[in-house]
Protein backbone atom coordinates (compact mmCIF):
# COMPACT_ATOMS: atom_id res chain seq x y z
CA MET A 1 0.00 0.00 0.00
CA THR A 2 2.87 2.37 0.86
CA ASP A 3 4.45 1.69 -2.54
CA LEU A 4 1.17 2.46 -4.30
CA ARG A 5 0.75 5.66 -2.31
CA THR A 6 4.32 6.72 -3.14
CA PHE A 7 3.76 5.94 -6.82
CA ALA A 8 0.53 7.95 -6.85
CA VAL A 9 2.24 10.96 -5.27
CA ALA A 10 5.09 10.76 -7.77
CA LEU A 11 2.70 10.42 -10.70
CA GLY A 12 0.72 13.41 -9.48
CA ALA A 13 3.90 15.48 -9.30
CA VAL A 14 4.83 14.53 -12.86
CA LEU A 15 1.38 15.39 -14.18
CA THR A 16 1.42 18.72 -12.34
CA ALA A 17 4.80 19.53 -13.87
CA LEU A 18 3.58 18.63 -17.34
CA CYS A 19 0.52 20.83 -16.95
CA ALA A 20 2.77 23.70 -15.93
CA LEU A 21 4.76 23.52 -19.17
CA PRO A 22 3.97 26.26 -21.69
CA ALA A 23 1.50 25.27 -24.38
CA ARG A 24 3.19 24.39 -27.64
CA ALA A 25 1.72 24.59 -31.09
CA ALA A 26 2.43 21.86 -33.60
CA VAL A 27 5.37 22.76 -35.83
CA VAL A 28 4.25 23.11 -39.44
CA CYS A 29 7.69 23.96 -40.84
CA THR A 30 11.25 24.77 -39.88
CA VAL A 31 13.51 26.02 -42.66
CA ILE A 32 17.08 27.30 -42.29
CA ALA A 33 19.33 28.51 -45.11
CA ASP A 34 22.84 29.90 -45.45
CA ALA A 35 22.49 33.65 -45.99
CA HIS A 36 25.64 33.86 -48.12
CA THR A 37 25.13 30.91 -50.46
CA GLY A 38 21.38 30.42 -50.30
CA SER A 39 21.85 26.71 -49.60
CA VAL A 40 18.90 25.26 -47.69
CA LEU A 41 20.33 23.42 -44.69
CA VAL A 42 17.16 22.39 -42.84
CA ASN A 43 13.76 21.95 -44.49
CA GLU A 44 11.29 20.06 -42.33
CA GLY A 45 7.52 20.04 -42.78
CA ARG A 46 5.18 21.83 -45.16
CA CYS A 47 7.55 24.65 -46.01
CA GLU A 48 6.07 25.54 -49.41
CA ASP A 49 2.55 26.19 -48.09
CA ARG A 50 1.53 29.85 -48.11
CA VAL A 51 -0.32 31.37 -45.16
CA THR A 52 -0.86 34.87 -43.81
CA PRO A 53 2.42 36.56 -42.78
CA ALA A 54 0.69 38.44 -39.95
CA SER A 55 3.18 40.67 -38.10
CA THR A 56 6.25 39.16 -39.77
CA PHE A 57 5.22 41.46 -42.65
CA LYS A 58 6.53 44.35 -40.55
CA ILE A 59 10.08 43.54 -41.69
CA ALA A 60 9.09 43.96 -45.34
CA LEU A 61 6.92 46.98 -44.49
CA ALA A 62 9.84 48.64 -42.69
CA ALA A 63 11.98 48.18 -45.80
CA MET A 64 9.23 49.78 -47.90
CA GLY A 65 8.72 52.59 -45.40
CA TYR A 66 12.40 53.48 -45.15
CA ASP A 67 12.97 53.24 -48.90
CA SER A 68 9.98 55.52 -49.60
CA GLY A 69 11.20 58.10 -47.08
CA PHE A 70 8.14 57.94 -44.83
CA LEU A 71 10.20 56.25 -42.11
CA ARG A 72 13.40 58.15 -41.36
CA ASP A 73 15.30 56.38 -38.58
CA ALA A 74 14.66 54.29 -35.46
CA GLY A 75 13.10 57.27 -33.67
CA ASN A 76 11.21 59.00 -36.46
CA PRO A 77 8.52 59.63 -37.32
CA VAL A 78 6.77 59.58 -33.96
CA LEU A 79 3.07 59.14 -34.71
CA PRO A 80 0.32 59.85 -32.15
CA PHE A 81 -2.20 57.26 -31.00
CA ARG A 82 -5.75 58.33 -31.79
CA PRO A 83 -9.12 57.06 -30.49
CA GLY A 84 -10.45 54.34 -32.74
CA TYR A 85 -7.04 52.89 -33.60
CA PRO A 86 -6.53 49.17 -32.84
CA ASP A 87 -5.44 48.96 -29.19
CA TRP A 88 -5.82 45.31 -28.21
CA GLY A 89 -2.05 45.10 -27.76
CA GLY A 90 -2.28 46.96 -24.45
CA ASP A 91 -0.66 50.13 -23.13
CA ALA A 92 2.29 49.95 -25.54
CA TRP A 93 -0.18 50.53 -28.38
CA ARG A 94 -1.92 53.50 -26.72
CA ARG A 95 0.93 55.98 -26.89
CA PRO A 96 2.97 57.96 -29.43
CA THR A 97 5.06 55.44 -31.37
CA ALA A 98 8.32 55.54 -33.34
CA PRO A 99 9.63 52.84 -35.74
CA ALA A 100 11.71 50.96 -33.15
CA ALA A 101 8.77 50.75 -30.72
CA TRP A 102 6.43 49.82 -33.60
CA MET A 103 8.57 46.81 -34.41
CA ARG A 104 9.26 45.84 -30.79
CA HIS A 105 5.62 45.99 -29.69
CA SER A 106 4.13 44.94 -33.05
CA VAL A 107 1.81 47.96 -33.18
CA VAL A 108 -0.84 47.32 -35.83
CA TRP A 109 -2.08 50.91 -36.17
CA TYR A 110 1.43 52.15 -36.96
CA SER A 111 1.61 49.59 -39.78
CA GLN A 112 -1.69 50.98 -41.06
CA GLN A 113 -0.28 54.51 -41.17
CA ILE A 114 2.61 53.28 -43.33
CA THR A 115 0.37 51.32 -45.68
CA ARG A 116 -1.99 54.29 -46.08
CA GLU A 117 0.95 56.53 -46.88
CA LEU A 118 2.22 54.09 -49.52
CA GLY A 119 -1.11 53.06 -51.06
CA VAL A 120 -2.05 49.75 -52.65
CA GLU A 121 -0.15 50.27 -55.92
CA LYS A 122 3.16 51.02 -54.21
CA LEU A 123 2.65 48.14 -51.80
CA ARG A 124 1.99 45.80 -54.71
CA GLY A 125 5.04 47.10 -56.57
CA TYR A 126 7.31 46.60 -53.58
CA GLY A 127 5.77 43.20 -52.85
CA ARG A 128 6.46 41.99 -56.38
CA SER A 129 10.00 43.38 -56.47
CA PHE A 130 10.67 41.73 -53.09
CA ALA A 131 9.11 38.44 -54.36
CA TYR A 132 7.13 38.59 -51.12
CA GLY A 133 4.77 35.63 -51.36
CA ASN A 134 1.80 36.28 -53.63
CA ALA A 135 2.20 40.09 -53.28
CA ASP A 136 -1.61 40.34 -53.11
CA PHE A 137 -2.63 43.54 -51.34
CA SER A 138 -6.30 43.45 -52.34
CA GLY A 139 -7.57 42.69 -48.81
CA ASP A 140 -10.82 40.88 -48.02
CA ALA A 141 -13.09 40.53 -51.04
CA GLY A 142 -15.66 43.32 -51.18
CA LYS A 143 -14.56 45.00 -47.93
CA ASN A 144 -12.15 47.70 -49.17
CA ASN A 145 -9.79 47.00 -46.25
CA ALA A 146 -6.51 46.32 -48.07
CA LEU A 147 -4.60 49.07 -46.26
CA GLU A 148 -5.97 47.97 -42.89
CA ARG A 149 -5.30 44.24 -42.91
CA ALA A 150 -4.24 42.67 -46.23
CA TRP A 151 -1.38 41.03 -44.31
CA ILE A 152 -3.54 39.75 -41.42
CA SER A 153 -5.64 36.66 -42.24
CA SER A 154 -6.46 38.17 -45.61
CA SER A 155 -5.17 38.30 -49.19
CA LEU A 156 -1.39 38.45 -48.67
CA THR A 157 0.19 35.04 -48.13
CA ILE A 158 3.75 33.73 -48.02
CA SER A 159 5.46 30.39 -47.43
CA PRO A 160 8.27 29.72 -44.93
CA VAL A 161 10.69 29.12 -47.83
CA GLU A 162 9.70 32.46 -49.37
CA GLN A 163 10.24 34.14 -46.01
CA THR A 164 13.85 32.93 -45.93
CA VAL A 165 14.49 33.95 -49.54
CA PHE A 166 13.18 37.45 -48.79
CA LEU A 167 15.25 37.70 -45.60
CA ARG A 168 18.39 36.55 -47.38
CA ARG A 169 17.92 39.23 -50.03
CA LEU A 170 17.37 41.83 -47.30
CA ILE A 171 20.43 41.13 -45.20
CA THR A 172 22.76 40.65 -48.18
CA GLY A 173 21.67 43.92 -49.77
CA GLN A 174 19.95 42.33 -52.78
CA LEU A 175 16.53 43.96 -52.41
CA PRO A 176 15.81 46.84 -54.82
CA ILE A 177 15.95 49.44 -52.05
CA SER A 178 18.60 51.87 -50.85
CA ARG A 179 21.49 50.78 -48.68
CA ASP A 180 20.29 53.10 -45.92
CA ALA A 181 16.80 51.55 -46.03
CA THR A 182 18.33 48.09 -45.65
CA ALA A 183 20.50 49.12 -42.69
CA ARG A 184 17.70 50.97 -40.91
CA THR A 185 15.28 48.08 -41.37
CA MET A 186 17.73 45.59 -39.91
CA ALA A 187 18.53 47.93 -37.02
CA ILE A 188 14.97 47.95 -35.64
CA VAL A 189 14.40 44.18 -35.77
CA GLU A 190 14.61 42.85 -32.21
CA SER A 191 17.90 41.08 -31.51
CA SER A 192 19.22 38.99 -28.63
CA GLU A 193 22.22 36.85 -27.78
CA ILE A 194 21.65 33.23 -26.85
CA SER A 195 23.93 30.37 -25.83
CA ASP A 196 26.89 29.26 -27.93
CA GLY A 197 27.61 32.77 -29.19
CA TRP A 198 24.67 33.11 -31.57
CA ARG A 199 22.93 36.46 -32.02
CA ILE A 200 19.39 36.07 -33.31
CA SER A 201 17.28 38.82 -34.86
CA GLY A 202 13.68 38.13 -35.72
CA LYS A 203 10.00 38.97 -35.78
CA THR A 204 7.03 37.05 -34.48
CA GLY A 205 3.60 36.90 -36.08
CA SER A 206 0.25 35.48 -35.00
CA ALA A 207 -3.10 35.29 -36.78
CA TYR A 208 -6.14 33.07 -37.10
CA PRO A 209 -6.97 31.17 -40.28
CA ARG A 210 -10.40 31.64 -41.80
CA LYS A 211 -13.17 29.09 -41.75
CA ALA A 212 -15.21 28.35 -44.88
CA ASP A 213 -17.78 30.95 -43.79
CA GLY A 214 -15.11 33.65 -43.43
CA THR A 215 -15.05 33.74 -39.62
CA PHE A 216 -11.83 33.23 -37.67
CA ASP A 217 -10.88 29.76 -36.50
CA ARG A 218 -9.69 30.73 -33.02
CA ALA A 219 -8.63 27.19 -32.15
CA ARG A 220 -6.08 27.03 -34.99
CA MET A 221 -3.89 30.11 -34.54
CA TRP A 222 -0.83 30.42 -36.77
CA GLY A 223 2.47 31.30 -35.09
CA TRP A 224 5.50 32.61 -36.98
CA TYR A 225 9.05 33.41 -35.99
CA VAL A 226 11.34 34.51 -38.83
CA GLY A 227 14.73 36.19 -38.97
CA TRP A 228 18.45 35.62 -39.11
CA ALA A 229 21.15 34.31 -36.78
CA SER A 230 24.84 35.23 -36.79
CA LYS A 231 27.91 33.70 -35.19
CA GLY A 232 31.37 34.72 -36.31
CA ASP A 233 31.36 34.78 -40.10
CA VAL A 234 28.28 32.52 -40.35
CA THR A 235 24.83 33.98 -40.96
CA LEU A 236 21.72 31.85 -41.31
CA VAL A 237 18.18 32.87 -42.22
CA PHE A 238 15.28 30.93 -40.74
CA ALA A 239 11.52 30.61 -40.61
CA ARG A 240 9.48 28.66 -38.08
CA LEU A 241 5.74 28.23 -38.61
CA ALA A 242 3.51 26.53 -36.05
CA GLN A 243 -0.23 26.09 -35.61
CA ASP A 244 -2.38 25.43 -32.56
CA ASP A 245 -4.87 22.60 -32.36
CA LYS A 246 -6.87 24.21 -29.57
CA ARG A 247 -7.53 27.71 -28.29
CA GLU A 248 -4.65 29.15 -26.25
CA LYS A 249 -4.31 32.32 -24.18
CA ARG A 250 -0.81 33.35 -25.32
CA SER A 251 -0.01 34.23 -28.90
CA ALA A 252 1.28 31.42 -31.08
CA GLY A 253 4.03 33.67 -32.43
CA LEU A 254 5.58 34.25 -29.01
CA ARG A 255 5.43 30.53 -28.31
CA ALA A 256 7.00 29.75 -31.69
CA ARG A 257 9.85 32.14 -30.85
CA GLU A 258 10.43 30.59 -27.44
CA ALA A 259 10.46 27.08 -28.88
CA LEU A 260 12.87 27.93 -31.69
CA LEU A 261 15.28 29.78 -29.40
CA ALA A 262 15.28 26.83 -27.00
CA GLN A 263 16.06 24.48 -29.89
CA TRP A 264 18.47 26.74 -31.77
CA SER A 265 21.77 25.12 -30.76
CA ALA A 266 20.50 21.71 -31.86
CA LEU A 267 19.06 23.14 -35.09
CA ALA A 268 22.33 24.90 -35.90
CA MET A 269 24.20 21.64 -35.40
CA ARG A 270 21.78 19.86 -37.74
CA ALA A 271 22.43 22.63 -40.24
CA GLY A 272 26.13 21.85 -39.98
CA ARG A 273 26.92 25.14 -38.30
């Protein structure tokens, strides 16, 4: 009886610990490529499937904004928050915002000010010249909302492989934008050092897919984390796409980032780096 009681206590402790672990979405794709050669080093999952880029589009939008001259540097322009703007991101969204804070806090309304300044035709032109997925900035059919949300569960879609190709062109200076625009875009992408000497810069993104009736499927959130990682003279570009199978409280993008960072050393070894 004592052995059974001990076993039950131990089992309960294990189950409690498992329940305390952060929820993880199922990995749809992990792709890693050499930024200098373009060689794909890791390609696991459905990496050719296109889905909404969600907030990962901010990297491309920053490049467009800096190249057009609307964005000037990390601190300018500072745009005011106005009543009626999207504010579900909390206090960080309800204040005057500059480009660095826009990227760090993923402020949707700031993105909308850039897209409105550029207009659909310029967005489409940049999207095509960047080879950014399907470059479709039409928005939801019949809703005239292209400049508000074409990149969020709408018309614009991109695959993980296309994300890495775009990122490689960005960081190697191959996009058809100015050198200053490239440098200023890269400077505002959030960067951190992790174990083994790697510095990783990247952007998360989260959005719901659409059901057949056009409503959001809130149990199947997409989570992106895309960017580049450098160590010594090695630079890799990467894209991680995950998807939930049940409704979760935390964004799938943040969880995708946490999972990839925790796995990065092993992934880099598998990539031969």
